[in-house]
Amino acid sequence: MAGKVHVQLGEGDFIAGTQLHAFRAPRLWVIAGVVVVLVLLADYNVYSGSGEHSYLLLGLGVLYALTLLVFVPYVILPWRARKQFRQVTTARDPFDIVWDDETLTITAADWMQKSRWDDFVKSREDAQLILLYISDFSFRIVPRRAFADAAALDDFLRLARAKAGRKKA
């Protein structure tokens, strides 16, 4: 089945897309967790000789955890996404997405991308957005609200789930 939707991304879509990407990137969180553990171990080795610094170690652990779990995803990521959204003028341009069983074409005023579904490395989704990855770190944001017809959304999701990341050798 073929379909077409018109998309206008807002700053909120850009922020939500960045957060969906970051929260769903387990390698990033594993690396961050390893760094926190290494820092805590280094702190423990420095202060292990005296019991008087145990509260400092606990405080540092809480600070690191808050930084990773609250400050980065809910302060730093939205701030960076807003900045990027303002800098990339094409991100604010409306565009049309046309798809069929083999290809997906995104057309804006100044650019066009025509790709086979299997050219996308992967897809991710949540209740608001669908991300189609061009590479591990670059993606197209498709808000679910762009689909007025539930059947069109179902078709789009079926193709994204079945074909993105399924490149034939």
Protein backbone atom coordinates (compact mmCIF):
# COMPACT_ATOMS: atom_id res chain seq x y z
CA MET A 1 0.00 0.00 0.00
CA ALA A 2 1.23 3.50 -0.79
CA GLY A 3 0.76 6.50 1.43
CA LYS A 4 1.58 10.15 1.88
CA VAL A 5 1.76 12.46 4.90
CA HIS A 6 2.67 16.09 5.41
CA VAL A 7 5.01 16.81 8.33
CA GLN A 8 5.91 20.00 10.17
CA LEU A 9 8.35 19.36 12.99
CA GLY A 10 8.29 21.54 16.05
CA GLU A 11 10.92 22.11 18.70
CA GLY A 12 9.13 19.61 20.96
CA ASP A 13 9.36 16.91 18.27
CA PHE A 14 13.07 17.56 17.94
CA ILE A 15 13.59 17.33 21.71
CA ALA A 16 11.47 14.17 22.01
CA GLY A 17 13.37 12.59 19.10
CA THR A 18 16.71 13.36 20.71
CA GLN A 19 15.55 11.90 24.02
CA LEU A 20 14.10 8.80 22.36
CA HIS A 21 17.42 8.28 20.60
CA ALA A 22 19.44 8.78 23.80
CA PHE A 23 17.22 6.68 26.05
CA ARG A 24 17.13 3.85 23.57
CA ALA A 25 20.89 3.80 23.00
CA PRO A 26 21.95 1.21 25.58
CA ARG A 27 25.63 1.43 24.67
CA LEU A 28 25.70 5.08 25.72
CA TRP A 29 24.20 4.27 29.12
CA VAL A 30 26.51 1.28 29.59
CA ILE A 31 29.54 3.47 28.85
CA ALA A 32 28.24 6.15 31.22
CA GLY A 33 27.63 3.53 33.92
CA VAL A 34 31.15 2.15 33.52
CA VAL A 35 32.56 5.67 33.87
CA VAL A 36 30.55 6.23 37.06
CA VAL A 37 31.73 2.93 38.53
CA LEU A 38 35.36 3.73 37.65
CA VAL A 39 35.09 7.18 39.23
CA LEU A 40 33.50 5.73 42.36
CA LEU A 41 36.24 3.08 42.57
CA ALA A 42 38.89 5.77 42.18
CA ASP A 43 37.20 7.82 44.91
CA TYR A 44 36.99 4.76 47.15
CA ASN A 45 40.69 3.99 46.65
CA VAL A 46 41.61 7.56 47.56
CA TYR A 47 39.44 7.68 50.67
CA SER A 48 39.49 4.04 51.80
CA GLY A 49 42.19 4.63 54.39
CA SER A 50 39.94 6.69 56.64
CA GLY A 51 36.30 6.19 57.51
CA GLU A 52 35.69 9.91 57.85
CA HIS A 53 35.33 10.40 54.11
CA SER A 54 32.68 7.73 53.55
CA TYR A 55 29.93 10.38 53.40
CA LEU A 56 31.89 12.22 50.73
CA LEU A 57 31.99 9.02 48.67
CA LEU A 58 28.27 8.50 49.12
CA GLY A 59 27.59 12.12 48.20
CA LEU A 60 29.71 11.83 45.06
CA GLY A 61 27.88 8.66 44.06
CA VAL A 62 24.51 10.39 44.45
CA LEU A 63 25.77 13.41 42.52
CA TYR A 64 27.02 11.21 39.66
CA ALA A 65 23.75 9.29 39.55
CA LEU A 66 21.67 12.48 39.53
CA THR A 67 23.86 13.90 36.79
CA LEU A 68 23.43 10.81 34.62
CA LEU A 69 19.79 10.12 35.31
CA VAL A 70 18.32 13.63 35.61
CA PHE A 71 20.61 16.43 34.53
CA VAL A 72 21.84 14.93 31.26
CA PRO A 73 18.57 13.58 29.83
CA TYR A 74 16.22 16.30 31.09
CA VAL A 75 18.44 19.40 31.01
CA ILE A 76 21.45 18.91 28.73
CA LEU A 77 19.74 16.90 25.95
CA PRO A 78 16.75 19.26 25.58
CA TRP A 79 19.07 22.29 25.65
CA ARG A 80 21.27 20.78 22.90
CA ALA A 81 18.22 19.73 20.85
CA ARG A 82 16.72 23.24 21.04
CA LYS A 83 20.03 24.73 19.96
CA GLN A 84 20.33 22.29 17.04
CA PHE A 85 16.71 22.88 16.00
CA ARG A 86 17.36 26.64 15.85
CA GLN A 87 20.63 26.20 13.94
CA VAL A 88 19.40 23.74 11.30
CA THR A 89 16.90 25.77 9.29
CA THR A 90 15.85 22.78 7.19
CA ALA A 91 14.64 21.06 10.39
CA ARG A 92 11.88 23.65 10.61
CA ASP A 93 10.79 23.31 6.97
CA PRO A 94 7.64 21.32 6.28
CA PHE A 95 8.11 18.16 4.23
CA ASP A 96 6.09 15.39 2.62
CA ILE A 97 6.72 11.69 3.07
CA VAL A 98 5.56 9.36 0.32
CA TRP A 99 6.06 5.63 0.64
CA ASP A 100 5.25 2.33 -0.95
CA ASP A 101 6.38 -1.23 -0.23
CA GLU A 102 9.88 -0.59 -1.60
CA THR A 103 10.78 3.08 -1.16
CA LEU A 104 10.31 6.09 1.05
CA THR A 105 10.69 9.61 -0.35
CA ILE A 106 11.00 12.72 1.78
CA THR A 107 10.52 15.97 -0.11
CA ALA A 108 10.96 19.50 1.25
CA ALA A 109 11.29 22.85 -0.50
CA ASP A 110 15.09 22.65 -0.82
CA TRP A 111 15.92 18.97 -0.60
CA MET A 112 14.74 15.45 -1.33
CA GLN A 113 15.73 12.03 -0.07
CA LYS A 114 14.58 8.88 -1.84
CA SER A 115 15.59 5.66 -0.13
CA ARG A 116 14.71 2.01 -0.17
CA TRP A 117 13.27 0.90 3.16
CA ASP A 118 16.22 -1.39 3.72
CA ASP A 119 18.61 1.59 3.35
CA PHE A 120 17.52 2.65 6.83
CA VAL A 121 19.76 1.10 9.47
CA LYS A 122 16.94 0.69 11.99
CA SER A 123 13.75 2.26 13.27
CA ARG A 124 12.60 3.18 16.78
CA GLU A 125 9.28 4.39 18.05
CA ASP A 126 7.35 5.53 21.07
CA ALA A 127 3.85 6.90 21.60
CA GLN A 128 4.73 10.21 19.89
CA LEU A 129 7.40 9.55 17.28
CA ILE A 130 8.93 7.18 14.80
CA LEU A 131 12.66 7.49 14.16
CA LEU A 132 14.08 6.19 10.89
CA TYR A 133 17.85 5.86 11.19
CA ILE A 134 20.05 6.79 8.23
CA SER A 135 23.07 5.75 10.34
CA ASP A 136 23.57 4.82 13.99
CA PHE A 137 23.46 8.50 14.99
CA SER A 138 21.48 10.25 12.24
CA PHE A 139 17.75 9.83 11.93
CA ARG A 140 14.57 11.24 10.43
CA ILE A 141 11.81 12.14 12.85
CA VAL A 142 8.25 11.24 11.86
CA PRO A 143 5.59 12.33 14.36
CA ARG A 144 2.64 9.96 14.68
CA ARG A 145 0.31 12.99 14.67
CA ALA A 146 1.16 13.49 10.97
CA PHE A 147 -0.97 10.44 10.13
CA ALA A 148 -4.62 11.42 9.95
CA ASP A 149 -5.55 7.90 8.89
CA ALA A 150 -4.87 4.99 11.28
CA ALA A 151 -4.52 2.61 8.34
CA ALA A 152 -1.73 4.77 6.87
CA LEU A 153 0.08 4.78 10.22
CA ASP A 154 -0.27 1.01 10.52
CA ASP A 155 1.10 0.54 6.98
CA PHE A 156 4.02 2.89 7.64
CA LEU A 157 4.88 1.14 10.92
CA ARG A 158 4.57 -2.30 9.32
CA LEU A 159 7.09 -1.34 6.64
CA ALA A 160 9.46 0.43 9.05
CA ARG A 161 9.46 -2.53 11.46
CA ALA A 162 9.78 -5.17 8.76
CA LYS A 163 12.25 -3.55 6.36
CA ALA A 164 14.42 -0.99 8.18
CA GLY A 165 17.72 -2.61 9.03
CA ARG A 166 17.10 -5.59 6.77
CA LYS A 167 19.60 -4.76 4.00
CA LYS A 168 20.04 -7.60 1.58
CA ALA A 169 23.67 -8.58 0.89
